[in-house]
Amino acid sequence: MVAYAFGAETSRPLQHATLVRVLWLYRQVFAYPRLSTVAGVARLSIVAPRFVQSYTMAKKNREPDRKSSGKSGDAPVETDTEDTNPDSAKAEVTLATVRDKAMELLARREHSRAELKDKLKRREYEYPADFIETVLDDFAERNLQSDERFAEVYVRSRINRGFGETKIRSELQSRGVTGDVMLLALEAADVNWHDNAEAALTKKFSSAVRAENVRSQKIRAKMQRFLQNRGYNPDQIISAVNRMADLVEANAESSLEPGTG
């Protein structure tokens, strides 16, 4: 499909890089179900130029390889121009490789700068540290990578999965997101942690807890450990456990009333 769209002569590395960028563009525009149609169009107007710029840059960086190798099965094409600076060509290709890998990782999901840097430094890649920093600086400047955007998406995802503020803070810090970026993401989530703790507890224990055992120390301790591991503070834990017990007992009493059940 990519070869058809950009021409059969397009190199396979460039086809791969282009496909990665198409996936990134799709995720940027359509992976936000909360966006209205107007907001989606506005976002498209922002990210589409970045996509075109990224593709043009990759094509330019790959062009020397295609000219030097010629068509598949042909002998290398000799050129009259002598390469007076082979180190610059090598650096250009290496930077293109790092850009492609970074874009591929971002096409899968949002990353913090520290996460992206750690992945690019893995032994199987062995990318030079100065090339990694150059690419990361470039991506941050063009908003292809954003710690603020990563933190917002990450916080919302973990809240929806029932995790508490303490756990989320710890996870963000381990991913290199701290300070104002972390605080602003948590504030933007606008979540009631007491309600979130109760919802997580209900989802986990609603089928296992009964009116006859909901007040037992064993069950309460089990529920408290669960919420503690999820990152809720003591006040939120006690409140959620007590509300859970009250709800279970209220449901049991209502089922025993005449005319119910």
C-alpha atoms as a PDB file:
ATOM      1  CA  MET A   1       0.000   0.000   0.000  1.00  0.00           C
ATOM      2  CA  VAL A   2       2.806   2.407   0.915  1.00  0.00           C
ATOM      3  CA  ALA A   3       4.736   1.462  -2.254  1.00  0.00           C
ATOM      4  CA  TYR A   4       1.605   2.109  -4.333  1.00  0.00           C
ATOM      5  CA  ALA A   5       1.022   5.467  -2.687  1.00  0.00           C
ATOM      6  CA  PHE A   6       4.582   6.764  -2.951  1.00  0.00           C
ATOM      7  CA  GLY A   7       5.861   4.919  -6.027  1.00  0.00           C
ATOM      8  CA  ALA A   8       7.364   1.489  -6.566  1.00  0.00           C
ATOM      9  CA  GLU A   9      10.853   2.977  -6.607  1.00  0.00           C
ATOM     10  CA  THR A  10      10.535   3.974  -2.939  1.00  0.00           C
ATOM     11  CA  SER A  11      13.040   2.048  -0.813  1.00  0.00           C
ATOM     12  CA  ARG A  12      11.853  -0.513   1.704  1.00  0.00           C
ATOM     13  CA  PRO A  13      13.306   1.400   4.709  1.00  0.00           C
ATOM     14  CA  LEU A  14      11.460   4.499   3.565  1.00  0.00           C
ATOM     15  CA  GLN A  15       8.258   2.497   3.025  1.00  0.00           C
ATOM     16  CA  HIS A  16       8.558   1.201   6.588  1.00  0.00           C
ATOM     17  CA  ALA A  17       9.265   4.655   7.992  1.00  0.00           C
ATOM     18  CA  THR A  18       6.308   6.081   6.073  1.00  0.00           C
ATOM     19  CA  LEU A  19       3.957   3.396   7.374  1.00  0.00           C
ATOM     20  CA  VAL A  20       5.074   4.164  10.920  1.00  0.00           C
ATOM     21  CA  ARG A  21       4.295   7.825  10.348  1.00  0.00           C
ATOM     22  CA  VAL A  22       0.848   6.976   8.921  1.00  0.00           C
ATOM     23  CA  LEU A  23       0.093   4.964  12.072  1.00  0.00           C
ATOM     24  CA  TRP A  24       1.289   7.855  14.204  1.00  0.00           C
ATOM     25  CA  LEU A  25      -0.923  10.304  12.298  1.00  0.00           C
ATOM     26  CA  TYR A  26      -3.948   8.002  12.692  1.00  0.00           C
ATOM     27  CA  ARG A  27      -3.366   7.672  16.439  1.00  0.00           C
ATOM     28  CA  GLN A  28      -2.910  11.390  16.908  1.00  0.00           C
ATOM     29  CA  VAL A  29      -6.234  12.222  15.223  1.00  0.00           C
ATOM     30  CA  PHE A  30      -8.538   9.270  15.880  1.00  0.00           C
ATOM     31  CA  ALA A  31      -7.298   7.755  19.163  1.00  0.00           C
ATOM     32  CA  TYR A  32      -8.980  10.451  21.239  1.00  0.00           C
ATOM     33  CA  PRO A  33     -12.693   9.464  21.509  1.00  0.00           C
ATOM     34  CA  ARG A  34     -13.418  12.463  23.729  1.00  0.00           C
ATOM     35  CA  LEU A  35     -12.625  14.906  20.918  1.00  0.00           C
ATOM     36  CA  SER A  36     -15.545  16.459  19.071  1.00  0.00           C
ATOM     37  CA  THR A  37     -15.573  16.630  15.273  1.00  0.00           C
ATOM     38  CA  VAL A  38     -14.412  20.243  15.354  1.00  0.00           C
ATOM     39  CA  ALA A  39     -11.609  19.411  17.790  1.00  0.00           C
ATOM     40  CA  GLY A  40     -10.611  16.423  15.663  1.00  0.00           C
ATOM     41  CA  VAL A  41     -10.333  18.594  12.543  1.00  0.00           C
ATOM     42  CA  ALA A  42      -8.352  21.154  14.500  1.00  0.00           C
ATOM     43  CA  ARG A  43      -5.976  18.466  15.742  1.00  0.00           C
ATOM     44  CA  LEU A  44      -5.582  17.146  12.186  1.00  0.00           C
ATOM     45  CA  SER A  45      -4.578  20.620  11.001  1.00  0.00           C
ATOM     46  CA  ILE A  46      -1.835  20.590  13.636  1.00  0.00           C
ATOM     47  CA  VAL A  47      -0.383  17.099  13.203  1.00  0.00           C
ATOM     48  CA  ALA A  48      -0.733  16.754   9.414  1.00  0.00           C
ATOM     49  CA  PRO A  49       2.037  19.282   8.665  1.00  0.00           C
ATOM     50  CA  ARG A  50       4.279  17.461  11.136  1.00  0.00           C
ATOM     51  CA  PHE A  51       3.611  14.212   9.293  1.00  0.00           C
ATOM     52  CA  VAL A  52       4.487  15.742   5.920  1.00  0.00           C
ATOM     53  CA  GLN A  53       7.603  17.351   7.348  1.00  0.00           C
ATOM     54  CA  SER A  54       8.693  14.091   8.964  1.00  0.00           C
ATOM     55  CA  TYR A  55       8.138  12.108   5.741  1.00  0.00           C
ATOM     56  CA  THR A  56      10.013  14.689   3.647  1.00  0.00           C
ATOM     57  CA  MET A  57      12.945  14.594   6.051  1.00  0.00           C
ATOM     58  CA  ALA A  58      13.086  10.786   5.985  1.00  0.00           C
ATOM     59  CA  LYS A  59      12.915  10.716   2.177  1.00  0.00           C
ATOM     60  CA  LYS A  60      15.724  13.244   1.937  1.00  0.00           C
ATOM     61  CA  ASN A  61      17.899  11.236   4.321  1.00  0.00           C
ATOM     62  CA  ARG A  62      17.260   8.002   2.405  1.00  0.00           C
ATOM     63  CA  GLU A  63      17.853   9.505  -1.033  1.00  0.00           C
ATOM     64  CA  PRO A  64      21.683   9.101  -0.984  1.00  0.00           C
ATOM     65  CA  ASP A  65      21.328   5.380  -0.201  1.00  0.00           C
ATOM     66  CA  ARG A  66      18.986   4.810  -3.129  1.00  0.00           C
ATOM     67  CA  LYS A  67      21.203   6.711  -5.581  1.00  0.00           C
ATOM     68  CA  SER A  68      24.348   4.888  -4.524  1.00  0.00           C
ATOM     69  CA  SER A  69      22.820   1.406  -4.607  1.00  0.00           C
ATOM     70  CA  GLY A  70      20.785   1.787  -7.842  1.00  0.00           C
ATOM     71  CA  LYS A  71      17.812  -0.439  -8.671  1.00  0.00           C
ATOM     72  CA  SER A  72      17.482  -3.944  -7.301  1.00  0.00           C
ATOM     73  CA  GLY A  73      19.750  -6.360  -9.141  1.00  0.00           C
ATOM     74  CA  ASP A  74      21.779  -3.639 -10.925  1.00  0.00           C
ATOM     75  CA  ALA A  75      25.395  -2.777 -10.335  1.00  0.00           C
ATOM     76  CA  PRO A  76      26.022   0.209  -8.107  1.00  0.00           C
ATOM     77  CA  VAL A  77      25.739   3.493  -9.956  1.00  0.00           C
ATOM     78  CA  GLU A  78      29.043   5.318 -10.146  1.00  0.00           C
ATOM     79  CA  THR A  79      28.907   9.043  -9.638  1.00  0.00           C
ATOM     80  CA  ASP A  80      31.421  11.673 -10.616  1.00  0.00           C
ATOM     81  CA  THR A  81      30.918  13.570  -7.380  1.00  0.00           C
ATOM     82  CA  GLU A  82      33.473  12.650  -4.753  1.00  0.00           C
ATOM     83  CA  ASP A  83      32.313  12.454  -1.154  1.00  0.00           C
ATOM     84  CA  THR A  84      34.522  14.982   0.552  1.00  0.00           C
ATOM     85  CA  ASN A  85      33.022  14.400   3.977  1.00  0.00           C
ATOM     86  CA  PRO A  86      32.072  10.736   4.558  1.00  0.00           C
ATOM     87  CA  ASP A  87      31.535  11.346   8.262  1.00  0.00           C
ATOM     88  CA  SER A  88      28.636  13.710   7.577  1.00  0.00           C
ATOM     89  CA  ALA A  89      26.911  11.104   5.364  1.00  0.00           C
ATOM     90  CA  LYS A  90      27.347   8.514   8.064  1.00  0.00           C
ATOM     91  CA  ALA A  91      25.952  10.881  10.694  1.00  0.00           C
ATOM     92  CA  GLU A  92      22.965  11.705   8.470  1.00  0.00           C
ATOM     93  CA  VAL A  93      22.075   8.050   7.968  1.00  0.00           C
ATOM     94  CA  THR A  94      22.498   7.313  11.674  1.00  0.00           C
ATOM     95  CA  LEU A  95      20.281  10.220  12.656  1.00  0.00           C
ATOM     96  CA  ALA A  96      17.646   9.005  10.194  1.00  0.00           C
ATOM     97  CA  THR A  97      17.794   5.557  11.782  1.00  0.00           C
ATOM     98  CA  VAL A  98      17.324   6.997  15.263  1.00  0.00           C
ATOM     99  CA  ARG A  99      14.439   9.176  14.040  1.00  0.00           C
ATOM    100  CA  ASP A 100      12.713   6.182  12.452  1.00  0.00           C
ATOM    101  CA  LYS A 101      13.006   4.083  15.612  1.00  0.00           C
ATOM    102  CA  ALA A 102      11.812   6.922  17.835  1.00  0.00           C
ATOM    103  CA  MET A 103       8.829   7.553  15.551  1.00  0.00           C
ATOM    104  CA  GLU A 104       8.035   3.842  15.537  1.00  0.00           C
ATOM    105  CA  LEU A 105       7.961   3.782  19.350  1.00  0.00           C
ATOM    106  CA  LEU A 106       5.767   6.895  19.496  1.00  0.00           C
ATOM    107  CA  ALA A 107       3.379   5.387  16.945  1.00  0.00           C
ATOM    108  CA  ARG A 108       2.593   2.634  19.445  1.00  0.00           C
ATOM    109  CA  ARG A 109       1.822   4.926  22.386  1.00  0.00           C
ATOM    110  CA  GLU A 110       2.842   8.170  24.054  1.00  0.00           C
ATOM    111  CA  HIS A 111       6.245   8.115  25.764  1.00  0.00           C
ATOM    112  CA  SER A 112       7.958  10.423  28.193  1.00  0.00           C
ATOM    113  CA  ARG A 113      11.331  11.752  27.097  1.00  0.00           C
ATOM    114  CA  ALA A 114      13.099   9.579  29.683  1.00  0.00           C
ATOM    115  CA  GLU A 115      11.253   6.457  28.509  1.00  0.00           C
ATOM    116  CA  LEU A 116      12.086   7.123  24.878  1.00  0.00           C
ATOM    117  CA  LYS A 117      15.719   7.805  25.724  1.00  0.00           C
ATOM    118  CA  ASP A 118      16.039   4.579  27.735  1.00  0.00           C
ATOM    119  CA  LYS A 119      14.569   2.514  24.909  1.00  0.00           C
ATOM    120  CA  LEU A 120      16.837   4.083  22.287  1.00  0.00           C
ATOM    121  CA  LYS A 121      19.857   3.380  24.518  1.00  0.00           C
ATOM    122  CA  ARG A 122      19.164  -0.349  24.667  1.00  0.00           C
ATOM    123  CA  ARG A 123      22.000  -2.645  23.744  1.00  0.00           C
ATOM    124  CA  GLU A 124      20.343  -4.010  20.602  1.00  0.00           C
ATOM    125  CA  TYR A 125      20.308  -0.514  19.077  1.00  0.00           C
ATOM    126  CA  GLU A 126      23.596   0.985  20.336  1.00  0.00           C
ATOM    127  CA  TYR A 127      22.689   4.436  19.099  1.00  0.00           C
ATOM    128  CA  PRO A 128      25.202   7.173  19.973  1.00  0.00           C
ATOM    129  CA  ALA A 129      24.093   9.277  22.923  1.00  0.00           C
ATOM    130  CA  ASP A 130      24.556  12.576  21.077  1.00  0.00           C
ATOM    131  CA  PHE A 131      22.339  11.397  18.198  1.00  0.00           C
ATOM    132  CA  ILE A 132      19.641  10.343  20.663  1.00  0.00           C
ATOM    133  CA  GLU A 133      19.704  13.755  22.348  1.00  0.00           C
ATOM    134  CA  THR A 134      19.549  15.491  18.962  1.00  0.00           C
ATOM    135  CA  VAL A 135      16.479  13.509  17.913  1.00  0.00           C
ATOM    136  CA  LEU A 136      14.746  13.959  21.272  1.00  0.00           C
ATOM    137  CA  ASP A 137      15.362  17.710  21.217  1.00  0.00           C
ATOM    138  CA  ASP A 138      14.004  17.894  17.676  1.00  0.00           C
ATOM    139  CA  PHE A 139      10.898  15.850  18.542  1.00  0.00           C
ATOM    140  CA  ALA A 140      10.197  17.949  21.629  1.00  0.00           C
ATOM    141  CA  GLU A 141      10.569  21.185  19.659  1.00  0.00           C
ATOM    142  CA  ARG A 142       8.093  19.973  17.027  1.00  0.00           C
ATOM    143  CA  ASN A 143       5.765  18.537  19.707  1.00  0.00           C
ATOM    144  CA  LEU A 144       6.106  15.019  18.339  1.00  0.00           C
ATOM    145  CA  GLN A 145       7.041  14.012  21.877  1.00  0.00           C
ATOM    146  CA  SER A 146       5.622  15.789  24.902  1.00  0.00           C
ATOM    147  CA  ASP A 147       6.005  14.983  28.587  1.00  0.00           C
ATOM    148  CA  GLU A 148       2.870  17.008  29.294  1.00  0.00           C
ATOM    149  CA  ARG A 149       0.792  15.020  26.808  1.00  0.00           C
ATOM    150  CA  PHE A 150       2.248  11.727  28.028  1.00  0.00           C
ATOM    151  CA  ALA A 151       1.478  12.574  31.666  1.00  0.00           C
ATOM    152  CA  GLU A 152      -2.116  13.546  30.876  1.00  0.00           C
ATOM    153  CA  VAL A 153      -2.788  10.341  28.944  1.00  0.00           C
ATOM    154  CA  TYR A 154      -0.995   8.170  31.509  1.00  0.00           C
ATOM    155  CA  VAL A 155      -2.804   9.633  34.521  1.00  0.00           C
ATOM    156  CA  ARG A 156      -6.226   9.196  32.903  1.00  0.00           C
ATOM    157  CA  SER A 157      -5.417   5.615  31.922  1.00  0.00           C
ATOM    158  CA  ARG A 158      -4.297   4.628  35.442  1.00  0.00           C
ATOM    159  CA  ILE A 159      -7.283   6.326  37.077  1.00  0.00           C
ATOM    160  CA  ASN A 160      -9.638   4.393  34.803  1.00  0.00           C
ATOM    161  CA  ARG A 161      -7.905   1.188  35.900  1.00  0.00           C
ATOM    162  CA  GLY A 162      -8.542   1.969  39.570  1.00  0.00           C
ATOM    163  CA  PHE A 163      -5.142   3.174  40.776  1.00  0.00           C
ATOM    164  CA  GLY A 164      -4.644   5.841  43.435  1.00  0.00           C
ATOM    165  CA  GLU A 165      -2.678   9.069  43.455  1.00  0.00           C
ATOM    166  CA  THR A 166       0.329   7.724  45.382  1.00  0.00           C
ATOM    167  CA  LYS A 167       0.830   4.863  42.932  1.00  0.00           C
ATOM    168  CA  ILE A 168       0.422   7.110  39.896  1.00  0.00           C
ATOM    169  CA  ARG A 169       2.896   9.651  41.274  1.00  0.00           C
ATOM    170  CA  SER A 170       5.469   6.921  41.850  1.00  0.00           C
ATOM    171  CA  GLU A 171       5.008   5.518  38.343  1.00  0.00           C
ATOM    172  CA  LEU A 172       5.315   8.946  36.729  1.00  0.00           C
ATOM    173  CA  GLN A 173       8.506   9.644  38.647  1.00  0.00           C
ATOM    174  CA  SER A 174       9.990   6.333  37.523  1.00  0.00           C
ATOM    175  CA  ARG A 175       9.263   7.444  33.936  1.00  0.00           C
ATOM    176  CA  GLY A 176      11.034  10.753  34.386  1.00  0.00           C
ATOM    177  CA  VAL A 177       7.950  12.937  34.852  1.00  0.00           C
ATOM    178  CA  THR A 178       8.168  15.112  37.963  1.00  0.00           C
ATOM    179  CA  GLY A 179       7.483  18.604  39.251  1.00  0.00           C
ATOM    180  CA  ASP A 180       4.911  20.848  37.646  1.00  0.00           C
ATOM    181  CA  VAL A 181       4.279  18.478  34.732  1.00  0.00           C
ATOM    182  CA  MET A 182       3.134  15.748  37.115  1.00  0.00           C
ATOM    183  CA  LEU A 183       1.097  18.111  39.307  1.00  0.00           C
ATOM    184  CA  LEU A 184      -0.694  19.676  36.355  1.00  0.00           C
ATOM    185  CA  ALA A 185      -1.594  16.253  34.926  1.00  0.00           C
ATOM    186  CA  LEU A 186      -3.057  15.128  38.258  1.00  0.00           C
ATOM    187  CA  GLU A 187      -4.999  18.373  38.659  1.00  0.00           C
ATOM    188  CA  ALA A 188      -6.342  18.150  35.110  1.00  0.00           C
ATOM    189  CA  ALA A 189      -7.720  14.678  35.841  1.00  0.00           C
ATOM    190  CA  ASP A 190     -10.134  16.253  38.374  1.00  0.00           C
ATOM    191  CA  VAL A 191     -10.836  12.938  40.123  1.00  0.00           C
ATOM    192  CA  ASN A 192     -12.455  12.197  43.478  1.00  0.00           C
ATOM    193  CA  TRP A 193      -9.963   9.720  44.971  1.00  0.00           C
ATOM    194  CA  HIS A 194     -12.434   8.510  47.610  1.00  0.00           C
ATOM    195  CA  ASP A 195     -14.958   7.589  44.929  1.00  0.00           C
ATOM    196  CA  ASN A 196     -12.257   6.011  42.799  1.00  0.00           C
ATOM    197  CA  ALA A 197     -11.098   3.866  45.709  1.00  0.00           C
ATOM    198  CA  GLU A 198     -14.644   2.700  46.411  1.00  0.00           C
ATOM    199  CA  ALA A 199     -15.218   1.861  42.742  1.00  0.00           C
ATOM    200  CA  ALA A 200     -11.987  -0.172  42.590  1.00  0.00           C
ATOM    201  CA  LEU A 201     -12.937  -2.015  45.792  1.00  0.00           C
ATOM    202  CA  THR A 202     -16.444  -2.775  44.568  1.00  0.00           C
ATOM    203  CA  LYS A 203     -15.155  -4.119  41.257  1.00  0.00           C
ATOM    204  CA  LYS A 204     -12.703  -6.403  43.034  1.00  0.00           C
ATOM    205  CA  PHE A 205     -14.777  -7.685  45.960  1.00  0.00           C
ATOM    206  CA  SER A 206     -18.459  -7.292  45.026  1.00  0.00           C
ATOM    207  CA  SER A 207     -18.849 -10.980  44.211  1.00  0.00           C
ATOM    208  CA  ALA A 208     -16.835 -12.254  47.194  1.00  0.00           C
ATOM    209  CA  VAL A 209     -18.088 -10.128  50.105  1.00  0.00           C
ATOM    210  CA  ARG A 210     -21.323 -10.931  51.936  1.00  0.00           C
ATOM    211  CA  ALA A 211     -23.194  -9.189  54.750  1.00  0.00           C
ATOM    212  CA  GLU A 212     -22.138 -11.876  57.213  1.00  0.00           C
ATOM    213  CA  ASN A 213     -18.398 -11.431  56.633  1.00  0.00           C
ATOM    214  CA  VAL A 214     -17.979  -7.840  55.430  1.00  0.00           C
ATOM    215  CA  ARG A 215     -17.216  -6.622  58.973  1.00  0.00           C
ATOM    216  CA  SER A 216     -14.722  -9.378  59.795  1.00  0.00           C
ATOM    217  CA  GLN A 217     -11.142  -8.335  60.415  1.00  0.00           C
ATOM    218  CA  LYS A 218      -9.844 -10.820  57.857  1.00  0.00           C
ATOM    219  CA  ILE A 219     -11.953  -9.426  55.013  1.00  0.00           C
ATOM    220  CA  ARG A 220     -11.323  -5.812  56.021  1.00  0.00           C
ATOM    221  CA  ALA A 221      -7.578  -6.408  56.168  1.00  0.00           C
ATOM    222  CA  LYS A 222      -7.680  -7.997  52.726  1.00  0.00           C
ATOM    223  CA  MET A 223      -9.561  -5.036  51.255  1.00  0.00           C
ATOM    224  CA  GLN A 224      -7.212  -2.570  52.946  1.00  0.00           C
ATOM    225  CA  ARG A 225      -4.127  -4.305  51.535  1.00  0.00           C
ATOM    226  CA  PHE A 226      -5.660  -4.249  48.079  1.00  0.00           C
ATOM    227  CA  LEU A 227      -6.256  -0.493  48.180  1.00  0.00           C
ATOM    228  CA  GLN A 228      -2.863   0.144  49.744  1.00  0.00           C
ATOM    229  CA  ASN A 229      -1.181  -1.675  46.865  1.00  0.00           C
ATOM    230  CA  ARG A 230      -3.264   0.390  44.447  1.00  0.00           C
ATOM    231  CA  GLY A 231      -1.800   3.584  45.889  1.00  0.00           C
ATOM    232  CA  TYR A 232      -4.534   5.062  48.084  1.00  0.00           C
ATOM    233  CA  ASN A 233      -3.822   6.851  51.355  1.00  0.00           C
ATOM    234  CA  PRO A 234      -5.128   5.633  54.769  1.00  0.00           C
ATOM    235  CA  ASP A 235      -8.059   8.046  54.857  1.00  0.00           C
ATOM    236  CA  GLN A 236      -9.250   6.961  51.415  1.00  0.00           C
ATOM    237  CA  ILE A 237      -8.804   3.291  52.325  1.00  0.00           C
ATOM    238  CA  ILE A 238     -10.795   3.442  55.567  1.00  0.00           C
ATOM    239  CA  SER A 239     -13.548   5.475  53.917  1.00  0.00           C
ATOM    240  CA  ALA A 240     -13.863   3.055  50.984  1.00  0.00           C
ATOM    241  CA  VAL A 241     -13.888  -0.058  53.182  1.00  0.00           C
ATOM    242  CA  ASN A 242     -16.566   1.383  55.486  1.00  0.00           C
ATOM    243  CA  ARG A 243     -18.744   2.514  52.572  1.00  0.00           C
ATOM    244  CA  MET A 244     -18.358  -0.897  50.983  1.00  0.00           C
ATOM    245  CA  ALA A 245     -19.535  -2.573  54.214  1.00  0.00           C
ATOM    246  CA  ASP A 246     -22.487  -0.208  54.545  1.00  0.00           C
ATOM    247  CA  LEU A 247     -23.509  -0.847  50.930  1.00  0.00           C
ATOM    248  CA  VAL A 248     -23.324  -4.631  51.267  1.00  0.00           C
ATOM    249  CA  GLU A 249     -25.371  -4.617  54.471  1.00  0.00           C
ATOM    250  CA  ALA A 250     -27.942  -2.230  53.004  1.00  0.00           C
ATOM    251  CA  ASN A 251     -28.376  -4.460  49.964  1.00  0.00           C
ATOM    252  CA  ALA A 252     -28.774  -7.525  52.194  1.00  0.00           C
ATOM    253  CA  GLU A 253     -31.451  -5.818  54.306  1.00  0.00           C
ATOM    254  CA  SER A 254     -33.403  -4.608  51.303  1.00  0.00           C
ATOM    255  CA  SER A 255     -33.456  -8.142  49.867  1.00  0.00           C
ATOM    256  CA  LEU A 256     -35.068  -9.415  53.104  1.00  0.00           C
ATOM    257  CA  GLU A 257     -37.900  -6.868  53.130  1.00  0.00           C
ATOM    258  CA  PRO A 258     -41.390  -8.160  52.253  1.00  0.00           C
ATOM    259  CA  GLY A 259     -42.231  -7.899  48.583  1.00  0.00           C
ATOM    260  CA  THR A 260     -38.569  -7.950  47.436  1.00  0.00           C
ATOM    261  CA  GLY A 261     -36.442 -10.689  45.983  1.00  0.00           C
END
